[in-house]
Amino acid sequence: MKKIIPMKRLSTYIAAIVLAGSLSSCLKDNSQPDFTQNKPVIELPVGSSAGNGAGNSIAASFTISETPSDYFVYVNYAAPEANTSEVPVTLTVDAAALTKFNSVNGKNYTMIPSNGYSLVSNKITIPAGQRKVKFPIKINTLNLDPTKTYALPITITDGGGYTISGNFGTLISVFNLKNKWDGVYSVSGTMMDKANSTLTGLYPRTLQFITQGPYTVAVFDPGSGVNTYGHGINSNGTTSYYGSFSPLFTIDMATNTITAGVNYYGQPSSNGRALKMDATGENKFTMSADGKVPVSLNVKYIMVQDGTDRTFFDEIWKYTSAR
């Protein structure tokens, strides 16, 4: 006599058989993605990707110098195995790539002029057995305007027979320039206003020197109550500043001596304010042993109001950090 399995139990029984078969099938399937079949790609692997197809970017900062600065971008052979023979790669400075990058990302970076950089060659070879090489570039900082943000767009145009990366085939290097006196300083000293004795010095104060040219810096006060090109002062216990007045110093590269001082806002400004150096001051930067980083500045200067010497500053600036 045949045993009859009720319909509900029969369904459960069939499901169990199917599940067991499925698990058995999974256990027997040991295949994994075969990355060895990936084709080699030539790329510029470093940079921040915006993910919008306009190329990747990387930021760099240079100290203005009479000697061209060294810079490089990496060129990479991306593949599971190292290359077995040399890979010649050709790159180009691609102005059209920067135009696209600016448009897509809402930027306004300036294309670096031809005298702002130099290349030994636009070709480089990735040696056999090596994945990554440096493509060297010289940045001629003296030929650049530090008030602008420049960009150098590099695109791979020939991958030596290999595929050029679609996502990392172009790199936009964005440059900011600073001279060696640029930075953040802790400022102490004295201030005397001959026209208004209620205005006194606000010390100590954190101020910045911001590059205006290869040999010039202007005073910027980032603190509360100012946050502009200017210099905080004490007005009856309240932070204030002289409107349309900020020192702009010209410095001798060799001696680090301030050779001239004017008002950032004009000499004189629209409200009659000018600046002149006080010749009794040292007015000179002390530099690190290698001459590259400021240590301190002793400086005296005068704010002139409508042709009359009004406010006298005698200050010590101590370098604390890069800006």
C-alpha atoms as a PDB file:
ATOM      1  CA  MET A   1       0.000   0.000   0.000  1.00  0.00           C
ATOM      2  CA  LYS A   2       1.491   3.385  -1.013  1.00  0.00           C
ATOM      3  CA  LYS A   3       2.088   5.965   1.654  1.00  0.00           C
ATOM      4  CA  ILE A   4       0.331   9.177   0.785  1.00  0.00           C
ATOM      5  CA  ILE A   5       2.069  12.421   1.841  1.00  0.00           C
ATOM      6  CA  PRO A   6      -0.300  15.257   2.634  1.00  0.00           C
ATOM      7  CA  MET A   7       0.016  18.242   0.250  1.00  0.00           C
ATOM      8  CA  LYS A   8       1.345  20.663   2.914  1.00  0.00           C
ATOM      9  CA  ARG A   9       4.068  18.231   4.004  1.00  0.00           C
ATOM     10  CA  LEU A  10       4.859  17.458   0.344  1.00  0.00           C
ATOM     11  CA  SER A  11       5.548  21.152  -0.355  1.00  0.00           C
ATOM     12  CA  THR A  12       7.854  21.393   2.636  1.00  0.00           C
ATOM     13  CA  TYR A  13       9.660  18.223   1.564  1.00  0.00           C
ATOM     14  CA  ILE A  14      10.247  19.509  -1.984  1.00  0.00           C
ATOM     15  CA  ALA A  15      11.509  22.883  -0.681  1.00  0.00           C
ATOM     16  CA  ALA A  16      14.006  21.107   1.539  1.00  0.00           C
ATOM     17  CA  ILE A  17      15.330  19.082  -1.388  1.00  0.00           C
ATOM     18  CA  VAL A  18      15.698  22.206  -3.529  1.00  0.00           C
ATOM     19  CA  LEU A  19      17.524  24.072  -0.721  1.00  0.00           C
ATOM     20  CA  ALA A  20      19.880  21.165  -0.182  1.00  0.00           C
ATOM     21  CA  GLY A  21      20.632  21.048  -3.898  1.00  0.00           C
ATOM     22  CA  SER A  22      21.231  24.774  -3.920  1.00  0.00           C
ATOM     23  CA  LEU A  23      23.670  24.568  -1.010  1.00  0.00           C
ATOM     24  CA  SER A  24      25.457  21.672  -2.652  1.00  0.00           C
ATOM     25  CA  SER A  25      25.777  23.669  -5.842  1.00  0.00           C
ATOM     26  CA  CYS A  26      27.228  26.649  -3.934  1.00  0.00           C
ATOM     27  CA  LEU A  27      29.780  24.495  -2.213  1.00  0.00           C
ATOM     28  CA  LYS A  28      30.983  23.098  -5.520  1.00  0.00           C
ATOM     29  CA  ASP A  29      31.273  26.571  -7.164  1.00  0.00           C
ATOM     30  CA  ASN A  30      34.763  27.747  -6.177  1.00  0.00           C
ATOM     31  CA  SER A  31      35.147  30.283  -8.996  1.00  0.00           C
ATOM     32  CA  GLN A  32      36.284  33.874  -8.188  1.00  0.00           C
ATOM     33  CA  PRO A  33      36.730  36.954 -10.419  1.00  0.00           C
ATOM     34  CA  ASP A  34      39.834  36.398 -12.527  1.00  0.00           C
ATOM     35  CA  PHE A  35      41.789  39.615 -12.062  1.00  0.00           C
ATOM     36  CA  THR A  36      44.664  38.189 -14.077  1.00  0.00           C
ATOM     37  CA  GLN A  37      42.618  38.912 -17.187  1.00  0.00           C
ATOM     38  CA  ASN A  38      42.554  42.668 -16.443  1.00  0.00           C
ATOM     39  CA  LYS A  39      44.377  44.641 -19.095  1.00  0.00           C
ATOM     40  CA  PRO A  40      47.163  47.040 -17.991  1.00  0.00           C
ATOM     41  CA  VAL A  41      46.222  50.709 -17.736  1.00  0.00           C
ATOM     42  CA  ILE A  42      48.498  53.764 -17.766  1.00  0.00           C
ATOM     43  CA  GLU A  43      47.384  56.438 -15.312  1.00  0.00           C
ATOM     44  CA  LEU A  44      48.200  59.511 -13.221  1.00  0.00           C
ATOM     45  CA  PRO A  45      47.099  57.914  -9.955  1.00  0.00           C
ATOM     46  CA  VAL A  46      47.420  60.786  -7.478  1.00  0.00           C
ATOM     47  CA  GLY A  47      44.751  63.425  -6.992  1.00  0.00           C
ATOM     48  CA  SER A  48      41.298  64.138  -5.663  1.00  0.00           C
ATOM     49  CA  SER A  49      38.540  63.012  -7.983  1.00  0.00           C
ATOM     50  CA  ALA A  50      35.372  65.086  -8.257  1.00  0.00           C
ATOM     51  CA  GLY A  51      33.703  62.150  -9.984  1.00  0.00           C
ATOM     52  CA  ASN A  52      32.282  64.334 -12.744  1.00  0.00           C
ATOM     53  CA  GLY A  53      34.524  63.370 -15.645  1.00  0.00           C
ATOM     54  CA  ALA A  54      36.425  66.682 -15.666  1.00  0.00           C
ATOM     55  CA  GLY A  55      39.701  65.255 -14.393  1.00  0.00           C
ATOM     56  CA  ASN A  56      41.339  64.933 -10.997  1.00  0.00           C
ATOM     57  CA  SER A  57      43.115  67.671  -9.094  1.00  0.00           C
ATOM     58  CA  ILE A  58      45.901  68.020  -6.571  1.00  0.00           C
ATOM     59  CA  ALA A  59      47.008  71.090  -4.588  1.00  0.00           C
ATOM     60  CA  ALA A  60      50.593  72.279  -4.257  1.00  0.00           C
ATOM     61  CA  SER A  61      52.234  75.311  -2.677  1.00  0.00           C
ATOM     62  CA  PHE A  62      55.543  76.919  -3.613  1.00  0.00           C
ATOM     63  CA  THR A  63      57.777  79.435  -1.913  1.00  0.00           C
ATOM     64  CA  ILE A  64      58.808  82.122  -4.365  1.00  0.00           C
ATOM     65  CA  SER A  65      62.478  81.711  -5.150  1.00  0.00           C
ATOM     66  CA  GLU A  66      65.026  82.825  -7.707  1.00  0.00           C
ATOM     67  CA  THR A  67      65.774  79.127  -8.240  1.00  0.00           C
ATOM     68  CA  PRO A  68      63.072  77.100 -10.053  1.00  0.00           C
ATOM     69  CA  SER A  69      61.201  74.701  -7.766  1.00  0.00           C
ATOM     70  CA  ASP A  70      61.092  70.951  -8.352  1.00  0.00           C
ATOM     71  CA  TYR A  71      57.692  69.369  -8.878  1.00  0.00           C
ATOM     72  CA  PHE A  72      56.573  66.038 -10.271  1.00  0.00           C
ATOM     73  CA  VAL A  73      53.523  63.926 -11.012  1.00  0.00           C
ATOM     74  CA  TYR A  74      53.419  60.150 -10.831  1.00  0.00           C
ATOM     75  CA  VAL A  75      52.882  58.020 -13.915  1.00  0.00           C
ATOM     76  CA  ASN A  76      51.687  54.511 -13.079  1.00  0.00           C
ATOM     77  CA  TYR A  77      51.463  51.120 -14.819  1.00  0.00           C
ATOM     78  CA  ALA A  78      48.336  49.599 -13.240  1.00  0.00           C
ATOM     79  CA  ALA A  79      48.128  45.817 -13.724  1.00  0.00           C
ATOM     80  CA  PRO A  80      48.104  42.597 -11.654  1.00  0.00           C
ATOM     81  CA  GLU A  81      51.673  41.802 -12.733  1.00  0.00           C
ATOM     82  CA  ALA A  82      54.630  44.118 -13.221  1.00  0.00           C
ATOM     83  CA  ASN A  83      55.451  45.067 -16.804  1.00  0.00           C
ATOM     84  CA  THR A  84      57.978  42.812 -18.499  1.00  0.00           C
ATOM     85  CA  SER A  85      59.383  45.487 -20.801  1.00  0.00           C
ATOM     86  CA  GLU A  86      59.838  49.258 -20.855  1.00  0.00           C
ATOM     87  CA  VAL A  87      56.690  51.349 -21.339  1.00  0.00           C
ATOM     88  CA  PRO A  88      57.198  54.711 -23.109  1.00  0.00           C
ATOM     89  CA  VAL A  89      54.562  57.254 -22.071  1.00  0.00           C
ATOM     90  CA  THR A  90      53.826  60.636 -23.663  1.00  0.00           C
ATOM     91  CA  LEU A  91      52.212  63.488 -21.744  1.00  0.00           C
ATOM     92  CA  THR A  92      51.066  66.941 -22.755  1.00  0.00           C
ATOM     93  CA  VAL A  93      50.188  70.217 -21.067  1.00  0.00           C
ATOM     94  CA  ASP A  94      46.489  70.298 -21.904  1.00  0.00           C
ATOM     95  CA  ALA A  95      44.876  73.762 -21.726  1.00  0.00           C
ATOM     96  CA  ALA A  96      41.551  72.357 -22.956  1.00  0.00           C
ATOM     97  CA  ALA A  97      41.463  70.035 -19.943  1.00  0.00           C
ATOM     98  CA  LEU A  98      41.723  73.032 -17.599  1.00  0.00           C
ATOM     99  CA  THR A  99      38.948  74.849 -19.458  1.00  0.00           C
ATOM    100  CA  LYS A 100      36.706  71.841 -18.967  1.00  0.00           C
ATOM    101  CA  PHE A 101      37.727  71.447 -15.321  1.00  0.00           C
ATOM    102  CA  ASN A 102      36.959  75.087 -14.546  1.00  0.00           C
ATOM    103  CA  SER A 103      33.607  74.927 -16.319  1.00  0.00           C
ATOM    104  CA  VAL A 104      32.401  71.723 -14.703  1.00  0.00           C
ATOM    105  CA  ASN A 105      33.639  72.565 -11.198  1.00  0.00           C
ATOM    106  CA  GLY A 106      32.824  76.275 -11.147  1.00  0.00           C
ATOM    107  CA  LYS A 107      36.486  77.254 -10.739  1.00  0.00           C
ATOM    108  CA  ASN A 108      38.497  80.080 -12.240  1.00  0.00           C
ATOM    109  CA  TYR A 109      42.051  78.774 -12.073  1.00  0.00           C
ATOM    110  CA  THR A 110      44.544  80.554 -14.326  1.00  0.00           C
ATOM    111  CA  MET A 111      46.441  78.509 -16.900  1.00  0.00           C
ATOM    112  CA  ILE A 112      50.101  78.633 -15.928  1.00  0.00           C
ATOM    113  CA  PRO A 113      52.029  80.670 -18.556  1.00  0.00           C
ATOM    114  CA  SER A 114      54.694  79.012 -20.667  1.00  0.00           C
ATOM    115  CA  ASN A 115      57.482  80.807 -18.787  1.00  0.00           C
ATOM    116  CA  GLY A 116      56.064  79.610 -15.468  1.00  0.00           C
ATOM    117  CA  TYR A 117      57.204  76.012 -15.926  1.00  0.00           C
ATOM    118  CA  SER A 118      59.651  73.913 -17.908  1.00  0.00           C
ATOM    119  CA  LEU A 119      59.872  70.251 -18.908  1.00  0.00           C
ATOM    120  CA  VAL A 120      62.993  68.296 -19.749  1.00  0.00           C
ATOM    121  CA  SER A 121      60.802  66.247 -22.075  1.00  0.00           C
ATOM    122  CA  ASN A 122      57.142  65.384 -22.569  1.00  0.00           C
ATOM    123  CA  LYS A 123      58.036  61.690 -22.568  1.00  0.00           C
ATOM    124  CA  ILE A 124      58.960  59.338 -19.779  1.00  0.00           C
ATOM    125  CA  THR A 125      59.673  55.611 -19.607  1.00  0.00           C
ATOM    126  CA  ILE A 126      58.370  53.199 -16.998  1.00  0.00           C
ATOM    127  CA  PRO A 127      61.231  50.672 -16.666  1.00  0.00           C
ATOM    128  CA  ALA A 128      60.596  46.933 -16.903  1.00  0.00           C
ATOM    129  CA  GLY A 129      59.534  45.507 -13.561  1.00  0.00           C
ATOM    130  CA  GLN A 130      58.632  48.945 -12.177  1.00  0.00           C
ATOM    131  CA  ARG A 131      55.105  50.288 -11.817  1.00  0.00           C
ATOM    132  CA  LYS A 132      55.486  53.950 -10.958  1.00  0.00           C
ATOM    133  CA  VAL A 133      57.822  56.751 -12.059  1.00  0.00           C
ATOM    134  CA  LYS A 134      58.064  60.495 -11.438  1.00  0.00           C
ATOM    135  CA  PHE A 135      57.483  62.910 -14.322  1.00  0.00           C
ATOM    136  CA  PRO A 136      59.675  65.944 -13.448  1.00  0.00           C
ATOM    137  CA  ILE A 137      58.573  69.570 -13.836  1.00  0.00           C
ATOM    138  CA  LYS A 138      60.297  72.839 -12.894  1.00  0.00           C
ATOM    139  CA  ILE A 139      58.098  75.687 -11.599  1.00  0.00           C
ATOM    140  CA  ASN A 140      59.543  79.139 -12.294  1.00  0.00           C
ATOM    141  CA  THR A 141      57.925  80.995  -9.389  1.00  0.00           C
ATOM    142  CA  LEU A 142      59.488  84.381 -10.145  1.00  0.00           C
ATOM    143  CA  ASN A 143      57.492  84.505 -13.378  1.00  0.00           C
ATOM    144  CA  LEU A 144      54.159  83.968 -11.627  1.00  0.00           C
ATOM    145  CA  ASP A 145      51.772  86.375  -9.896  1.00  0.00           C
ATOM    146  CA  PRO A 146      51.260  85.268  -6.259  1.00  0.00           C
ATOM    147  CA  THR A 147      47.833  86.902  -6.143  1.00  0.00           C
ATOM    148  CA  LYS A 148      46.566  84.335  -8.686  1.00  0.00           C
ATOM    149  CA  THR A 149      45.829  80.637  -8.352  1.00  0.00           C
ATOM    150  CA  TYR A 150      47.449  78.790 -11.229  1.00  0.00           C
ATOM    151  CA  ALA A 151      46.827  75.342 -12.632  1.00  0.00           C
ATOM    152  CA  LEU A 152      49.009  73.025 -14.699  1.00  0.00           C
ATOM    153  CA  PRO A 153      46.882  70.409 -16.520  1.00  0.00           C
ATOM    154  CA  ILE A 154      48.733  67.248 -17.598  1.00  0.00           C
ATOM    155  CA  THR A 155      47.131  64.598 -19.824  1.00  0.00           C
ATOM    156  CA  ILE A 156      48.499  61.238 -20.979  1.00  0.00           C
ATOM    157  CA  THR A 157      48.290  61.196 -24.776  1.00  0.00           C
ATOM    158  CA  ASP A 158      50.157  57.946 -25.511  1.00  0.00           C
ATOM    159  CA  GLY A 159      50.311  54.966 -23.163  1.00  0.00           C
ATOM    160  CA  GLY A 160      52.990  53.091 -25.086  1.00  0.00           C
ATOM    161  CA  GLY A 161      50.495  50.660 -26.538  1.00  0.00           C
ATOM    162  CA  TYR A 162      48.527  50.248 -23.316  1.00  0.00           C
ATOM    163  CA  THR A 163      45.098  51.645 -22.434  1.00  0.00           C
ATOM    164  CA  ILE A 164      45.051  55.163 -20.984  1.00  0.00           C
ATOM    165  CA  SER A 165      42.883  55.403 -17.870  1.00  0.00           C
ATOM    166  CA  GLY A 166      39.533  57.065 -18.426  1.00  0.00           C
ATOM    167  CA  ASN A 167      39.274  58.246 -14.821  1.00  0.00           C
ATOM    168  CA  PHE A 168      42.928  59.018 -14.151  1.00  0.00           C
ATOM    169  CA  GLY A 169      44.256  60.076 -17.534  1.00  0.00           C
ATOM    170  CA  THR A 170      44.351  63.789 -16.650  1.00  0.00           C
ATOM    171  CA  LEU A 171      45.653  65.568 -13.553  1.00  0.00           C
ATOM    172  CA  ILE A 172      45.114  69.260 -12.735  1.00  0.00           C
ATOM    173  CA  SER A 173      47.840  70.561 -10.394  1.00  0.00           C
ATOM    174  CA  VAL A 174      46.622  73.705  -8.608  1.00  0.00           C
ATOM    175  CA  PHE A 175      49.374  76.049  -7.379  1.00  0.00           C
ATOM    176  CA  ASN A 176      49.486  78.703  -4.672  1.00  0.00           C
ATOM    177  CA  LEU A 177      52.563  80.878  -4.234  1.00  0.00           C
ATOM    178  CA  LYS A 178      54.106  82.300  -1.078  1.00  0.00           C
ATOM    179  CA  ASN A 179      57.317  84.147  -0.410  1.00  0.00           C
ATOM    180  CA  LYS A 180      59.507  83.086   2.486  1.00  0.00           C
ATOM    181  CA  TRP A 181      58.174  85.720   4.917  1.00  0.00           C
ATOM    182  CA  ASP A 182      54.543  84.650   4.467  1.00  0.00           C
ATOM    183  CA  GLY A 183      53.084  83.094   7.613  1.00  0.00           C
ATOM    184  CA  VAL A 184      51.324  83.382  10.969  1.00  0.00           C
ATOM    185  CA  TYR A 185      52.949  85.472  13.679  1.00  0.00           C
ATOM    186  CA  SER A 186      52.412  86.282  17.328  1.00  0.00           C
ATOM    187  CA  VAL A 187      52.822  90.062  17.651  1.00  0.00           C
ATOM    188  CA  SER A 188      53.720  92.042  20.772  1.00  0.00           C
ATOM    189  CA  GLY A 189      54.777  95.652  21.214  1.00  0.00           C
ATOM    190  CA  THR A 190      53.485  99.154  21.796  1.00  0.00           C
ATOM    191  CA  MET A 191      51.267 101.605  19.912  1.00  0.00           C
ATOM    192  CA  MET A 192      50.788 105.320  20.534  1.00  0.00           C
ATOM    193  CA  ASP A 193      48.090 107.388  18.819  1.00  0.00           C
ATOM    194  CA  LYS A 194      48.938 111.103  19.197  1.00  0.00           C
ATOM    195  CA  ALA A 195      45.481 112.161  17.960  1.00  0.00           C
ATOM    196  CA  ASN A 196      43.342 109.904  20.158  1.00  0.00           C
ATOM    197  CA  SER A 197      44.724 108.569  23.445  1.00  0.00           C
ATOM    198  CA  THR A 198      41.746 106.205  23.895  1.00  0.00           C
ATOM    199  CA  LEU A 199      43.115 104.120  21.028  1.00  0.00           C
ATOM    200  CA  THR A 200      45.900 101.844  22.275  1.00  0.00           C
ATOM    201  CA  GLY A 201      47.753  98.720  21.253  1.00  0.00           C
ATOM    202  CA  LEU A 202      46.011  95.339  21.261  1.00  0.00           C
ATOM    203  CA  TYR A 203      48.808  92.942  22.195  1.00  0.00           C
ATOM    204  CA  PRO A 204      49.571  90.123  22.028  1.00  0.00           C
ATOM    205  CA  ARG A 205      47.784  89.651  18.718  1.00  0.00           C
ATOM    206  CA  THR A 206      47.924  86.904  16.095  1.00  0.00           C
ATOM    207  CA  LEU A 207      48.512  88.468  12.683  1.00  0.00           C
ATOM    208  CA  GLN A 208      49.478  87.181   9.263  1.00  0.00           C
ATOM    209  CA  PHE A 209      51.825  88.274   6.528  1.00  0.00           C
ATOM    210  CA  ILE A 210      50.198  87.452   3.174  1.00  0.00           C
ATOM    211  CA  THR A 211      52.275  87.405  -0.007  1.00  0.00           C
ATOM    212  CA  GLN A 212      51.559  90.225  -2.444  1.00  0.00           C
ATOM    213  CA  GLY A 213      54.562  89.747  -4.707  1.00  0.00           C
ATOM    214  CA  PRO A 214      57.966  88.027  -4.732  1.00  0.00           C
ATOM    215  CA  TYR A 215      59.330  90.513  -2.197  1.00  0.00           C
ATOM    216  CA  THR A 216      56.217  92.000  -0.574  1.00  0.00           C
ATOM    217  CA  VAL A 217      53.815  91.036   2.231  1.00  0.00           C
ATOM    218  CA  ALA A 218      50.730  92.755   3.649  1.00  0.00           C
ATOM    219  CA  VAL A 219      49.347  92.542   7.177  1.00  0.00           C
ATOM    220  CA  PHE A 220      46.118  90.572   7.554  1.00  0.00           C
ATOM    221  CA  ASP A 221      44.294  90.318  10.891  1.00  0.00           C
ATOM    222  CA  PRO A 222      42.167  87.127  10.983  1.00  0.00           C
ATOM    223  CA  GLY A 223      40.871  87.785  14.475  1.00  0.00           C
ATOM    224  CA  SER A 224      37.398  88.620  15.704  1.00  0.00           C
ATOM    225  CA  GLY A 225      36.434  92.220  15.118  1.00  0.00           C
ATOM    226  CA  VAL A 226      38.758  92.645  12.129  1.00  0.00           C
ATOM    227  CA  ASN A 227      39.177  89.687   9.712  1.00  0.00           C
ATOM    228  CA  THR A 228      40.584  91.797   6.896  1.00  0.00           C
ATOM    229  CA  TYR A 229      43.779  93.464   5.725  1.00  0.00           C
ATOM    230  CA  GLY A 230      44.297  95.606   8.801  1.00  0.00           C
ATOM    231  CA  HIS A 231      45.636  95.582  12.350  1.00  0.00           C
ATOM    232  CA  GLY A 232      43.518  95.173  15.467  1.00  0.00           C
ATOM    233  CA  ILE A 233      43.689  97.956  18.072  1.00  0.00           C
ATOM    234  CA  ASN A 234      42.067  98.592  21.449  1.00  0.00           C
ATOM    235  CA  SER A 235      39.305 101.218  21.486  1.00  0.00           C
ATOM    236  CA  ASN A 236      38.136 101.683  25.098  1.00  0.00           C
ATOM    237  CA  GLY A 237      38.243  97.942  25.716  1.00  0.00           C
ATOM    238  CA  THR A 238      36.693  96.998  22.362  1.00  0.00           C
ATOM    239  CA  THR A 239      38.544  95.442  19.431  1.00  0.00           C
ATOM    240  CA  SER A 240      38.706  97.843  16.514  1.00  0.00           C
ATOM    241  CA  TYR A 241      41.088  98.802  13.692  1.00  0.00           C
ATOM    242  CA  TYR A 242      42.067 101.751  11.519  1.00  0.00           C
ATOM    243  CA  GLY A 243      39.891 101.625   8.407  1.00  0.00           C
ATOM    244  CA  SER A 244      41.684 101.472   5.060  1.00  0.00           C
ATOM    245  CA  PHE A 245      45.062 100.997   6.702  1.00  0.00           C
ATOM    246  CA  SER A 246      47.368  97.989   6.635  1.00  0.00           C
ATOM    247  CA  PRO A 247      51.162  97.839   6.332  1.00  0.00           C
ATOM    248  CA  LEU A 248      52.593  96.503   3.088  1.00  0.00           C
ATOM    249  CA  PHE A 249      56.324  95.848   3.365  1.00  0.00           C
ATOM    250  CA  THR A 250      58.949  95.341   0.650  1.00  0.00           C
ATOM    251  CA  ILE A 251      61.837  93.133   1.780  1.00  0.00           C
ATOM    252  CA  ASP A 252      65.317  92.595   0.395  1.00  0.00           C
ATOM    253  CA  MET A 253      65.726  88.925  -0.496  1.00  0.00           C
ATOM    254  CA  ALA A 254      69.397  88.765   0.465  1.00  0.00           C
ATOM    255  CA  THR A 255      69.425  90.731   3.734  1.00  0.00           C
ATOM    256  CA  ASN A 256      65.774  90.225   4.862  1.00  0.00           C
ATOM    257  CA  THR A 257      65.624  93.939   5.613  1.00  0.00           C
ATOM    258  CA  ILE A 258      62.432  95.929   5.011  1.00  0.00           C
ATOM    259  CA  THR A 259      63.412  98.418   2.333  1.00  0.00           C
ATOM    260  CA  ALA A 260      60.050 100.180   2.015  1.00  0.00           C
ATOM    261  CA  GLY A 261      56.639 100.359   3.628  1.00  0.00           C
ATOM    262  CA  VAL A 262      53.368 101.709   2.245  1.00  0.00           C
ATOM    263  CA  ASN A 263      49.665 101.472   2.987  1.00  0.00           C
ATOM    264  CA  TYR A 264      48.040  98.426   1.373  1.00  0.00           C
ATOM    265  CA  TYR A 265      45.007 100.590   0.528  1.00  0.00           C
ATOM    266  CA  GLY A 266      46.973 103.313  -1.264  1.00  0.00           C
ATOM    267  CA  GLN A 267      49.564 105.915  -0.421  1.00  0.00           C
ATOM    268  CA  PRO A 268      47.525 107.721   0.815  1.00  0.00           C
ATOM    269  CA  SER A 269      44.225 105.836   0.997  1.00  0.00           C
ATOM    270  CA  SER A 270      40.856 107.428   0.260  1.00  0.00           C
ATOM    271  CA  ASN A 271      40.619 108.528   3.902  1.00  0.00           C
ATOM    272  CA  GLY A 272      44.057 110.157   3.882  1.00  0.00           C
ATOM    273  CA  ARG A 273      46.060 107.424   5.591  1.00  0.00           C
ATOM    274  CA  ALA A 274      49.577 106.492   4.544  1.00  0.00           C
ATOM    275  CA  LEU A 275      52.455 104.529   6.051  1.00  0.00           C
ATOM    276  CA  LYS A 276      56.101 105.346   6.479  1.00  0.00           C
ATOM    277  CA  MET A 277      58.922 103.396   8.062  1.00  0.00           C
ATOM    278  CA  ASP A 278      60.472 104.589  11.319  1.00  0.00           C
ATOM    279  CA  ALA A 279      64.207 104.730  10.649  1.00  0.00           C
ATOM    280  CA  THR A 280      64.997 104.188  14.353  1.00  0.00           C
ATOM    281  CA  GLY A 281      63.733 100.603  14.082  1.00  0.00           C
ATOM    282  CA  GLU A 282      65.797  97.555  13.167  1.00  0.00           C
ATOM    283  CA  ASN A 283      63.173  96.707  10.504  1.00  0.00           C
ATOM    284  CA  LYS A 284      64.702  93.357   9.694  1.00  0.00           C
ATOM    285  CA  PHE A 285      63.745  89.682   9.821  1.00  0.00           C
ATOM    286  CA  THR A 286      65.863  87.165  11.707  1.00  0.00           C
ATOM    287  CA  MET A 287      65.821  83.921   9.730  1.00  0.00           C
ATOM    288  CA  SER A 288      66.472  80.251  10.470  1.00  0.00           C
ATOM    289  CA  ALA A 289      69.986  78.863   9.954  1.00  0.00           C
ATOM    290  CA  ASP A 290      69.163  77.793   6.395  1.00  0.00           C
ATOM    291  CA  GLY A 291      67.570  81.170   5.640  1.00  0.00           C
ATOM    292  CA  LYS A 292      64.268  79.644   4.564  1.00  0.00           C
ATOM    293  CA  VAL A 293      61.973  80.275   7.542  1.00  0.00           C
ATOM    294  CA  PRO A 294      61.498  83.481   9.564  1.00  0.00           C
ATOM    295  CA  VAL A 295      62.201  83.459  13.275  1.00  0.00           C
ATOM    296  CA  SER A 296      61.209  87.011  14.189  1.00  0.00           C
ATOM    297  CA  LEU A 297      60.889  90.590  12.988  1.00  0.00           C
ATOM    298  CA  ASN A 298      61.647  93.785  14.880  1.00  0.00           C
ATOM    299  CA  VAL A 299      59.866  96.653  13.142  1.00  0.00           C
ATOM    300  CA  LYS A 300      58.831 100.270  13.686  1.00  0.00           C
ATOM    301  CA  TYR A 301      56.425 102.134  11.416  1.00  0.00           C
ATOM    302  CA  ILE A 302      54.103 105.127  11.489  1.00  0.00           C
ATOM    303  CA  MET A 303      50.554 105.687  10.294  1.00  0.00           C
ATOM    304  CA  VAL A 304      50.387 109.116   8.667  1.00  0.00           C
ATOM    305  CA  GLN A 305      47.002 110.884   8.699  1.00  0.00           C
ATOM    306  CA  ASP A 306      46.518 113.718   6.188  1.00  0.00           C
ATOM    307  CA  GLY A 307      50.255 114.348   6.072  1.00  0.00           C
ATOM    308  CA  THR A 308      50.807 114.272   9.858  1.00  0.00           C
ATOM    309  CA  ASP A 309      52.548 111.488  11.778  1.00  0.00           C
ATOM    310  CA  ARG A 310      49.741 110.167  13.947  1.00  0.00           C
ATOM    311  CA  THR A 311      50.228 106.595  15.237  1.00  0.00           C
ATOM    312  CA  PHE A 312      53.555 104.996  16.128  1.00  0.00           C
ATOM    313  CA  PHE A 313      53.999 101.210  16.146  1.00  0.00           C
ATOM    314  CA  ASP A 314      56.985  99.430  17.746  1.00  0.00           C
ATOM    315  CA  GLU A 315      56.536  95.672  17.357  1.00  0.00           C
ATOM    316  CA  ILE A 316      58.145  92.250  17.630  1.00  0.00           C
ATOM    317  CA  TRP A 317      56.715  89.614  15.289  1.00  0.00           C
ATOM    318  CA  LYS A 318      57.465  85.974  16.169  1.00  0.00           C
ATOM    319  CA  TYR A 319      56.825  83.364  13.483  1.00  0.00           C
ATOM    320  CA  THR A 320      54.544  80.559  14.681  1.00  0.00           C
ATOM    321  CA  SER A 321      53.508  78.599  11.587  1.00  0.00           C
ATOM    322  CA  ALA A 322      52.936  78.553   7.861  1.00  0.00           C
ATOM    323  CA  ARG A 323      49.677  80.145   6.798  1.00  0.00           C
END
